[in-house]
Amino acid sequence: MLDKSPVPGGLVRGGVAPDHADTKGFSSLFAWAYQHPRTSMYMNVEVGEHVTHEELLQFHDAVIYGVGARLDRPLGVPGEELAGVYGSPDVVGWYNGALDVAPDTVRLDGERLVIVGNGNVALDIARLVLSDPRQLRRTDMPDAAVDEIARS
C-alpha cells in the first residue's frame, strides 16, 4: 500500500467531521489490514512524483488505485472563482487539518455564510461553523480552524 499521506486512514481520517469521534473510530476496523503480514505500507509516497506507474508494474502484476475525489466539481455559476468562495474539499481539508490544505485557506469574513448543497458534507460544514468553539476544541480539529470559527 502506498499513500501520499504520512498516516493511513484516507477518507475516514480526512473526510469525516472532527466532532464525529464515533464515526472516526470506525477506522480501527482497518487495523488488521495495516498489520497483516502480507501487507507493506509506505507512507509519504506519491505516484507520479516518487514512483511512476510503470515502475510499479515492473514489480507487481496489478496496480489498483483507490483514490478519493480530492477535486471540486465546478458548478458553472458566475462568481464561483471569487475570493471567499470555497469548494467542499478545501473546507473539509481545512477543518480536518489536511496536509495539502493551508491552515488559513478558509476565512469566515463577513456577517453571512451560505452553503450550497444539502448532503452530509454540507450539513457537517453548517454544524461545525455553528458549533460552540469550546466544544470543537475537544475534538481533533486544528486550532487554526477552531480559532477562525470562534473569530467569526
N, C-alpha and C. Protein backbone atom coordinates (compact mmCIF):
# COMPACT_ATOMS: atom_id res chain seq x y z
N MET A 1 0.85 -1.17 0.00
CA MET A 1 0.00 0.00 0.00
C MET A 1 0.89 1.23 0.00
N LEU A 2 0.61 2.13 -0.92
CA LEU A 2 1.30 3.41 -0.98
C LEU A 2 0.30 4.50 -0.64
N ASP A 3 0.74 5.49 0.11
CA ASP A 3 -0.14 6.61 0.45
C ASP A 3 0.68 7.87 0.49
N LYS A 4 0.16 8.94 -0.09
CA LYS A 4 0.90 10.19 -0.08
C LYS A 4 0.82 10.89 1.28
N SER A 5 -0.07 10.44 2.15
CA SER A 5 -0.19 11.00 3.49
C SER A 5 0.84 10.36 4.42
N PRO A 6 1.16 11.03 5.52
CA PRO A 6 2.10 10.44 6.47
C PRO A 6 1.46 9.39 7.38
N VAL A 7 0.14 9.35 7.42
CA VAL A 7 -0.57 8.38 8.25
C VAL A 7 -1.70 7.75 7.45
N PRO A 8 -2.05 6.51 7.73
CA PRO A 8 -3.15 5.87 7.00
C PRO A 8 -4.49 6.38 7.47
N GLY A 9 -5.51 6.09 6.71
CA GLY A 9 -6.87 6.41 7.14
C GLY A 9 -7.75 6.95 6.04
N GLY A 10 -7.14 7.57 5.05
CA GLY A 10 -7.91 8.04 3.90
C GLY A 10 -9.11 8.88 4.28
N LEU A 11 -10.25 8.58 3.67
CA LEU A 11 -11.46 9.37 3.83
C LEU A 11 -11.97 9.38 5.27
N VAL A 12 -11.84 8.26 5.98
CA VAL A 12 -12.32 8.22 7.35
C VAL A 12 -11.54 9.23 8.19
N ARG A 13 -10.24 9.31 7.97
CA ARG A 13 -9.42 10.25 8.73
C ARG A 13 -9.59 11.68 8.24
N GLY A 14 -9.62 11.87 6.93
CA GLY A 14 -9.60 13.22 6.38
C GLY A 14 -10.92 13.78 5.92
N GLY A 15 -11.97 12.96 5.88
CA GLY A 15 -13.24 13.44 5.35
C GLY A 15 -14.36 13.47 6.35
N VAL A 16 -14.19 12.78 7.46
CA VAL A 16 -15.23 12.76 8.49
C VAL A 16 -15.04 13.97 9.39
N ALA A 17 -16.13 14.62 9.73
CA ALA A 17 -16.07 15.81 10.57
C ALA A 17 -15.41 15.50 11.91
N PRO A 18 -14.59 16.42 12.41
CA PRO A 18 -13.85 16.18 13.65
C PRO A 18 -14.72 15.91 14.87
N ASP A 19 -15.96 16.38 14.87
CA ASP A 19 -16.81 16.16 16.03
C ASP A 19 -17.56 14.83 15.96
N HIS A 20 -17.25 14.00 15.00
CA HIS A 20 -17.85 12.67 14.88
C HIS A 20 -16.83 11.60 15.26
N ALA A 21 -16.43 11.64 16.52
CA ALA A 21 -15.40 10.72 17.00
C ALA A 21 -15.81 9.26 16.83
N ASP A 22 -17.08 8.96 17.04
CA ASP A 22 -17.53 7.58 16.89
C ASP A 22 -17.35 7.09 15.46
N THR A 23 -17.68 7.94 14.50
CA THR A 23 -17.51 7.56 13.10
C THR A 23 -16.03 7.43 12.77
N LYS A 24 -15.22 8.36 13.25
CA LYS A 24 -13.78 8.26 13.01
C LYS A 24 -13.20 7.00 13.64
N GLY A 25 -13.80 6.55 14.74
CA GLY A 25 -13.36 5.32 15.39
C GLY A 25 -13.53 4.11 14.50
N PHE A 26 -14.37 4.24 13.50
CA PHE A 26 -14.59 3.17 12.51
C PHE A 26 -13.28 2.75 11.86
N SER A 27 -12.32 3.68 11.78
CA SER A 27 -11.05 3.38 11.12
C SER A 27 -10.30 2.24 11.80
N SER A 28 -10.58 1.99 13.07
CA SER A 28 -9.90 0.89 13.76
C SER A 28 -10.24 -0.47 13.14
N LEU A 29 -11.35 -0.53 12.42
CA LEU A 29 -11.71 -1.78 11.74
C LEU A 29 -10.70 -2.15 10.66
N PHE A 30 -9.91 -1.16 10.19
CA PHE A 30 -8.94 -1.43 9.14
C PHE A 30 -7.57 -1.81 9.69
N ALA A 31 -7.40 -1.75 10.99
CA ALA A 31 -6.09 -2.01 11.60
C ALA A 31 -5.55 -3.38 11.20
N TRP A 32 -6.42 -4.36 11.09
CA TRP A 32 -5.96 -5.70 10.73
C TRP A 32 -5.29 -5.71 9.35
N ALA A 33 -5.82 -4.93 8.42
CA ALA A 33 -5.24 -4.89 7.08
C ALA A 33 -3.87 -4.21 7.10
N TYR A 34 -3.75 -3.16 7.92
CA TYR A 34 -2.47 -2.46 8.01
C TYR A 34 -1.40 -3.35 8.65
N GLN A 35 -1.81 -4.25 9.53
CA GLN A 35 -0.87 -5.08 10.28
C GLN A 35 -0.71 -6.48 9.70
N HIS A 36 -1.45 -6.78 8.65
CA HIS A 36 -1.40 -8.12 8.06
C HIS A 36 0.01 -8.42 7.57
N PRO A 37 0.50 -9.64 7.78
CA PRO A 37 1.88 -9.96 7.37
C PRO A 37 2.12 -9.86 5.86
N ARG A 38 1.08 -9.92 5.05
CA ARG A 38 1.27 -9.79 3.60
C ARG A 38 1.09 -8.36 3.12
N THR A 39 0.94 -7.42 4.06
CA THR A 39 0.77 -6.01 3.71
C THR A 39 2.02 -5.24 4.09
N SER A 40 2.49 -4.45 3.15
CA SER A 40 3.56 -3.50 3.43
C SER A 40 3.00 -2.12 3.12
N MET A 41 3.25 -1.19 4.03
CA MET A 41 2.74 0.17 3.83
C MET A 41 3.91 1.13 3.70
N TYR A 42 3.79 2.02 2.73
CA TYR A 42 4.79 3.05 2.51
C TYR A 42 4.05 4.39 2.46
N MET A 43 4.31 5.19 3.47
CA MET A 43 3.62 6.47 3.59
C MET A 43 4.50 7.57 2.98
N ASN A 44 3.89 8.73 2.72
CA ASN A 44 4.60 9.87 2.10
C ASN A 44 5.15 9.52 0.72
N VAL A 45 4.44 8.68 0.01
CA VAL A 45 4.85 8.29 -1.34
C VAL A 45 3.74 8.67 -2.31
N GLU A 46 4.08 9.48 -3.29
CA GLU A 46 3.08 9.90 -4.26
C GLU A 46 3.42 9.33 -5.64
N VAL A 47 2.48 8.57 -6.20
CA VAL A 47 2.67 8.02 -7.53
C VAL A 47 2.68 9.18 -8.51
N GLY A 48 3.67 9.19 -9.37
CA GLY A 48 3.84 10.27 -10.32
C GLY A 48 4.92 11.24 -9.89
N GLU A 49 5.22 11.26 -8.58
CA GLU A 49 6.29 12.12 -8.08
C GLU A 49 7.46 11.30 -7.57
N HIS A 50 7.16 10.30 -6.72
CA HIS A 50 8.23 9.49 -6.13
C HIS A 50 8.43 8.17 -6.87
N VAL A 51 7.40 7.70 -7.51
CA VAL A 51 7.45 6.45 -8.26
C VAL A 51 6.44 6.56 -9.41
N THR A 52 6.77 5.94 -10.53
CA THR A 52 5.85 6.01 -11.67
C THR A 52 4.98 4.76 -11.73
N HIS A 53 3.91 4.87 -12.46
CA HIS A 53 3.03 3.72 -12.69
C HIS A 53 3.82 2.58 -13.34
N GLU A 54 4.67 2.93 -14.29
CA GLU A 54 5.48 1.93 -15.00
C GLU A 54 6.43 1.21 -14.04
N GLU A 55 7.02 1.96 -13.10
CA GLU A 55 7.91 1.33 -12.12
C GLU A 55 7.15 0.35 -11.23
N LEU A 56 5.94 0.70 -10.86
CA LEU A 56 5.13 -0.21 -10.05
C LEU A 56 4.85 -1.50 -10.81
N LEU A 57 4.54 -1.37 -12.10
CA LEU A 57 4.23 -2.56 -12.92
C LEU A 57 5.44 -3.45 -13.13
N GLN A 58 6.65 -2.92 -12.99
CA GLN A 58 7.85 -3.75 -13.11
C GLN A 58 7.93 -4.78 -12.00
N PHE A 59 7.34 -4.48 -10.85
CA PHE A 59 7.49 -5.35 -9.68
C PHE A 59 6.18 -5.97 -9.21
N HIS A 60 5.06 -5.58 -9.82
CA HIS A 60 3.76 -6.10 -9.39
C HIS A 60 2.94 -6.49 -10.60
N ASP A 61 2.09 -7.49 -10.42
CA ASP A 61 1.23 -7.96 -11.51
C ASP A 61 0.01 -7.07 -11.72
N ALA A 62 -0.37 -6.35 -10.69
CA ALA A 62 -1.53 -5.46 -10.78
C ALA A 62 -1.28 -4.23 -9.92
N VAL A 63 -1.83 -3.13 -10.34
CA VAL A 63 -1.80 -1.89 -9.58
C VAL A 63 -3.24 -1.41 -9.48
N ILE A 64 -3.71 -1.23 -8.27
CA ILE A 64 -5.09 -0.77 -8.05
C ILE A 64 -5.02 0.60 -7.41
N TYR A 65 -5.69 1.56 -8.01
CA TYR A 65 -5.74 2.91 -7.48
C TYR A 65 -7.05 3.09 -6.72
N GLY A 66 -6.95 3.27 -5.43
CA GLY A 66 -8.12 3.57 -4.59
C GLY A 66 -7.96 5.00 -4.10
N VAL A 67 -8.42 5.94 -4.88
CA VAL A 67 -8.19 7.35 -4.54
C VAL A 67 -9.52 8.06 -4.34
N GLY A 68 -9.50 9.04 -3.47
CA GLY A 68 -10.71 9.83 -3.20
C GLY A 68 -10.87 10.94 -4.22
N ALA A 69 -12.02 11.56 -4.18
CA ALA A 69 -12.31 12.68 -5.07
C ALA A 69 -11.81 13.96 -4.40
N ARG A 70 -10.59 14.34 -4.64
CA ARG A 70 -9.98 15.50 -3.98
C ARG A 70 -10.35 16.82 -4.67
N LEU A 71 -10.74 16.76 -5.91
CA LEU A 71 -11.05 18.00 -6.63
C LEU A 71 -12.54 18.31 -6.57
N ASP A 72 -12.83 19.60 -6.54
CA ASP A 72 -14.20 20.04 -6.53
C ASP A 72 -14.74 20.05 -7.95
N ARG A 73 -16.04 19.91 -8.09
CA ARG A 73 -16.67 19.97 -9.41
C ARG A 73 -17.23 21.37 -9.61
N PRO A 74 -16.73 22.08 -10.61
CA PRO A 74 -17.27 23.43 -10.87
C PRO A 74 -18.77 23.37 -11.16
N LEU A 75 -19.48 24.36 -10.64
CA LEU A 75 -20.92 24.42 -10.87
C LEU A 75 -21.29 25.22 -12.11
N GLY A 76 -20.34 26.05 -12.58
CA GLY A 76 -20.61 26.87 -13.75
C GLY A 76 -21.46 28.09 -13.43
N VAL A 77 -21.41 28.55 -12.20
CA VAL A 77 -22.19 29.74 -11.83
C VAL A 77 -21.25 30.94 -11.73
N PRO A 78 -21.72 32.11 -12.14
CA PRO A 78 -20.87 33.30 -12.07
C PRO A 78 -20.42 33.57 -10.64
N GLY A 79 -19.13 33.84 -10.47
CA GLY A 79 -18.58 34.20 -9.17
C GLY A 79 -17.99 33.07 -8.38
N GLU A 80 -18.11 31.83 -8.87
CA GLU A 80 -17.60 30.71 -8.07
C GLU A 80 -16.08 30.73 -7.93
N GLU A 81 -15.40 31.54 -8.73
CA GLU A 81 -13.94 31.62 -8.65
C GLU A 81 -13.47 32.78 -7.76
N LEU A 82 -14.40 33.52 -7.18
CA LEU A 82 -14.05 34.70 -6.39
C LEU A 82 -13.50 34.32 -5.01
N ALA A 83 -12.77 35.25 -4.41
CA ALA A 83 -12.28 35.08 -3.04
C ALA A 83 -13.48 34.92 -2.11
N GLY A 84 -13.35 34.06 -1.15
CA GLY A 84 -14.43 33.83 -0.20
C GLY A 84 -15.38 32.73 -0.63
N VAL A 85 -15.16 32.15 -1.80
CA VAL A 85 -15.96 31.02 -2.28
C VAL A 85 -15.07 29.79 -2.20
N TYR A 86 -15.52 28.77 -1.49
CA TYR A 86 -14.70 27.59 -1.25
C TYR A 86 -15.44 26.34 -1.67
N GLY A 87 -14.72 25.41 -2.24
CA GLY A 87 -15.28 24.11 -2.54
C GLY A 87 -15.19 23.23 -1.31
N SER A 88 -16.06 22.26 -1.23
CA SER A 88 -16.09 21.42 -0.03
C SER A 88 -14.78 20.66 0.22
N PRO A 89 -14.03 20.21 -0.81
CA PRO A 89 -12.77 19.54 -0.48
C PRO A 89 -11.80 20.44 0.30
N ASP A 90 -11.77 21.73 -0.04
CA ASP A 90 -10.91 22.65 0.70
C ASP A 90 -11.42 22.88 2.11
N VAL A 91 -12.72 23.02 2.27
CA VAL A 91 -13.29 23.26 3.60
C VAL A 91 -13.10 22.04 4.48
N VAL A 92 -13.40 20.86 3.95
CA VAL A 92 -13.23 19.63 4.72
C VAL A 92 -11.76 19.42 5.06
N GLY A 93 -10.87 19.66 4.10
CA GLY A 93 -9.44 19.55 4.38
C GLY A 93 -9.00 20.55 5.43
N TRP A 94 -9.56 21.74 5.38
CA TRP A 94 -9.22 22.80 6.36
C TRP A 94 -9.63 22.38 7.77
N TYR A 95 -10.87 21.91 7.94
CA TYR A 95 -11.30 21.58 9.30
C TYR A 95 -10.79 20.22 9.78
N ASN A 96 -10.20 19.44 8.88
CA ASN A 96 -9.59 18.17 9.28
C ASN A 96 -8.06 18.23 9.34
N GLY A 97 -7.49 19.39 9.01
CA GLY A 97 -6.04 19.53 9.10
C GLY A 97 -5.29 18.78 8.02
N ALA A 98 -5.86 18.69 6.81
CA ALA A 98 -5.18 18.01 5.71
C ALA A 98 -3.85 18.72 5.41
N LEU A 99 -2.84 17.93 5.15
CA LEU A 99 -1.52 18.50 4.92
C LEU A 99 -1.43 19.33 3.65
N ASP A 100 -2.30 19.06 2.69
CA ASP A 100 -2.25 19.81 1.43
C ASP A 100 -3.21 21.00 1.42
N VAL A 101 -3.77 21.34 2.57
CA VAL A 101 -4.65 22.50 2.70
C VAL A 101 -4.08 23.39 3.80
N ALA A 102 -3.73 24.60 3.43
CA ALA A 102 -3.12 25.53 4.39
C ALA A 102 -4.11 25.88 5.51
N PRO A 103 -3.59 26.08 6.73
CA PRO A 103 -4.47 26.41 7.85
C PRO A 103 -5.29 27.68 7.66
N ASP A 104 -4.83 28.59 6.80
CA ASP A 104 -5.56 29.84 6.57
C ASP A 104 -6.34 29.82 5.26
N THR A 105 -6.59 28.65 4.72
CA THR A 105 -7.31 28.52 3.45
C THR A 105 -8.70 29.12 3.52
N VAL A 106 -9.41 28.84 4.58
CA VAL A 106 -10.80 29.30 4.72
C VAL A 106 -10.84 30.49 5.67
N ARG A 107 -11.45 31.56 5.20
CA ARG A 107 -11.66 32.77 6.01
C ARG A 107 -13.16 32.99 6.12
N LEU A 108 -13.64 33.09 7.32
CA LEU A 108 -15.07 33.29 7.55
C LEU A 108 -15.33 34.75 7.83
N ASP A 109 -14.98 35.59 6.87
CA ASP A 109 -15.17 37.04 6.99
C ASP A 109 -16.62 37.39 6.67
N GLY A 110 -17.03 38.51 7.14
CA GLY A 110 -18.38 38.98 6.82
C GLY A 110 -19.39 38.51 7.85
N GLU A 111 -20.64 38.84 7.56
CA GLU A 111 -21.71 38.57 8.51
C GLU A 111 -22.50 37.31 8.17
N ARG A 112 -22.45 36.89 6.91
CA ARG A 112 -23.28 35.77 6.48
C ARG A 112 -22.45 34.73 5.74
N LEU A 113 -22.96 33.52 5.80
CA LEU A 113 -22.35 32.40 5.11
C LEU A 113 -23.47 31.62 4.44
N VAL A 114 -23.27 31.27 3.19
CA VAL A 114 -24.25 30.41 2.53
C VAL A 114 -23.55 29.12 2.14
N ILE A 115 -24.24 28.03 2.32
CA ILE A 115 -23.72 26.72 1.94
C ILE A 115 -24.63 26.18 0.85
N VAL A 116 -24.06 25.89 -0.30
CA VAL A 116 -24.82 25.36 -1.42
C VAL A 116 -24.70 23.84 -1.37
N GLY A 117 -25.80 23.19 -1.15
CA GLY A 117 -25.81 21.74 -1.04
C GLY A 117 -26.68 21.34 0.13
N ASN A 118 -27.09 20.07 0.17
CA ASN A 118 -27.89 19.60 1.29
C ASN A 118 -27.54 18.17 1.65
N GLY A 119 -26.33 17.75 1.29
CA GLY A 119 -25.88 16.41 1.63
C GLY A 119 -25.13 16.40 2.95
N ASN A 120 -24.50 15.28 3.24
CA ASN A 120 -23.79 15.11 4.51
C ASN A 120 -22.68 16.13 4.69
N VAL A 121 -21.92 16.41 3.64
CA VAL A 121 -20.82 17.36 3.78
C VAL A 121 -21.35 18.76 4.06
N ALA A 122 -22.38 19.17 3.35
CA ALA A 122 -22.97 20.48 3.59
C ALA A 122 -23.49 20.60 5.02
N LEU A 123 -24.13 19.54 5.50
CA LEU A 123 -24.64 19.56 6.88
C LEU A 123 -23.50 19.56 7.90
N ASP A 124 -22.43 18.81 7.61
CA ASP A 124 -21.27 18.83 8.50
C ASP A 124 -20.69 20.24 8.59
N ILE A 125 -20.54 20.89 7.46
CA ILE A 125 -19.97 22.25 7.44
C ILE A 125 -20.87 23.19 8.24
N ALA A 126 -22.16 23.13 8.00
CA ALA A 126 -23.09 24.00 8.73
C ALA A 126 -23.01 23.74 10.23
N ARG A 127 -23.03 22.48 10.61
CA ARG A 127 -22.98 22.15 12.03
C ARG A 127 -21.70 22.65 12.67
N LEU A 128 -20.58 22.49 11.98
CA LEU A 128 -19.29 22.89 12.55
C LEU A 128 -19.16 24.40 12.68
N VAL A 129 -19.55 25.15 11.66
CA VAL A 129 -19.39 26.61 11.75
C VAL A 129 -20.37 27.22 12.75
N LEU A 130 -21.44 26.50 13.08
CA LEU A 130 -22.39 26.98 14.07
C LEU A 130 -22.10 26.44 15.47
N SER A 131 -21.12 25.57 15.59
CA SER A 131 -20.80 24.94 16.87
C SER A 131 -20.08 25.89 17.82
N ASP A 132 -20.23 25.61 19.08
CA ASP A 132 -19.51 26.35 20.12
C ASP A 132 -18.03 25.99 20.02
N PRO A 133 -17.16 26.95 19.79
CA PRO A 133 -15.73 26.67 19.67
C PRO A 133 -15.15 25.91 20.87
N ARG A 134 -15.72 26.11 22.05
CA ARG A 134 -15.24 25.37 23.22
C ARG A 134 -15.46 23.87 23.04
N GLN A 135 -16.57 23.52 22.41
CA GLN A 135 -16.84 22.10 22.13
C GLN A 135 -15.88 21.58 21.05
N LEU A 136 -15.63 22.41 20.04
CA LEU A 136 -14.74 21.98 18.94
C LEU A 136 -13.31 21.77 19.43
N ARG A 137 -12.90 22.51 20.44
CA ARG A 137 -11.53 22.35 20.97
C ARG A 137 -11.33 20.99 21.62
N ARG A 138 -12.41 20.29 21.91
CA ARG A 138 -12.32 18.94 22.49
C ARG A 138 -12.16 17.87 21.41
N THR A 139 -12.25 18.28 20.15
CA THR A 139 -12.10 17.35 19.03
C THR A 139 -10.68 17.43 18.51
N ASP A 140 -10.42 16.73 17.42
CA ASP A 140 -9.09 16.81 16.80
C ASP A 140 -9.04 17.87 15.70
N MET A 141 -10.01 18.80 15.69
CA MET A 141 -9.99 19.89 14.72
C MET A 141 -8.77 20.77 14.99
N PRO A 142 -8.06 21.18 13.94
CA PRO A 142 -6.89 22.05 14.12
C PRO A 142 -7.25 23.37 14.79
N ASP A 143 -6.34 23.86 15.62
CA ASP A 143 -6.56 25.12 16.33
C ASP A 143 -6.89 26.27 15.38
N ALA A 144 -6.21 26.32 14.23
CA ALA A 144 -6.45 27.43 13.29
C ALA A 144 -7.90 27.45 12.83
N ALA A 145 -8.49 26.29 12.58
CA ALA A 145 -9.88 26.23 12.14
C ALA A 145 -10.83 26.62 13.27
N VAL A 146 -10.55 26.12 14.47
CA VAL A 146 -11.40 26.48 15.61
C VAL A 146 -11.29 27.98 15.88
N ASP A 147 -10.08 28.52 15.81
CA ASP A 147 -9.87 29.96 16.03
C ASP A 147 -10.67 30.77 15.02
N GLU A 148 -10.68 30.33 13.75
CA GLU A 148 -11.40 31.07 12.70
C GLU A 148 -12.90 31.02 12.95
N ILE A 149 -13.39 29.86 13.37
CA ILE A 149 -14.82 29.74 13.68
C ILE A 149 -15.15 30.63 14.87
N ALA A 150 -14.31 30.63 15.88
CA ALA A 150 -14.54 31.47 17.06
C ALA A 150 -14.51 32.95 16.67
N ARG A 151 -13.58 33.33 15.82
CA ARG A 151 -13.45 34.72 15.40
C ARG A 151 -14.68 35.18 14.62
N SER A 152 -15.26 34.26 13.86
CA SER A 152 -16.39 34.65 13.01
C SER A 152 -17.67 34.79 13.82
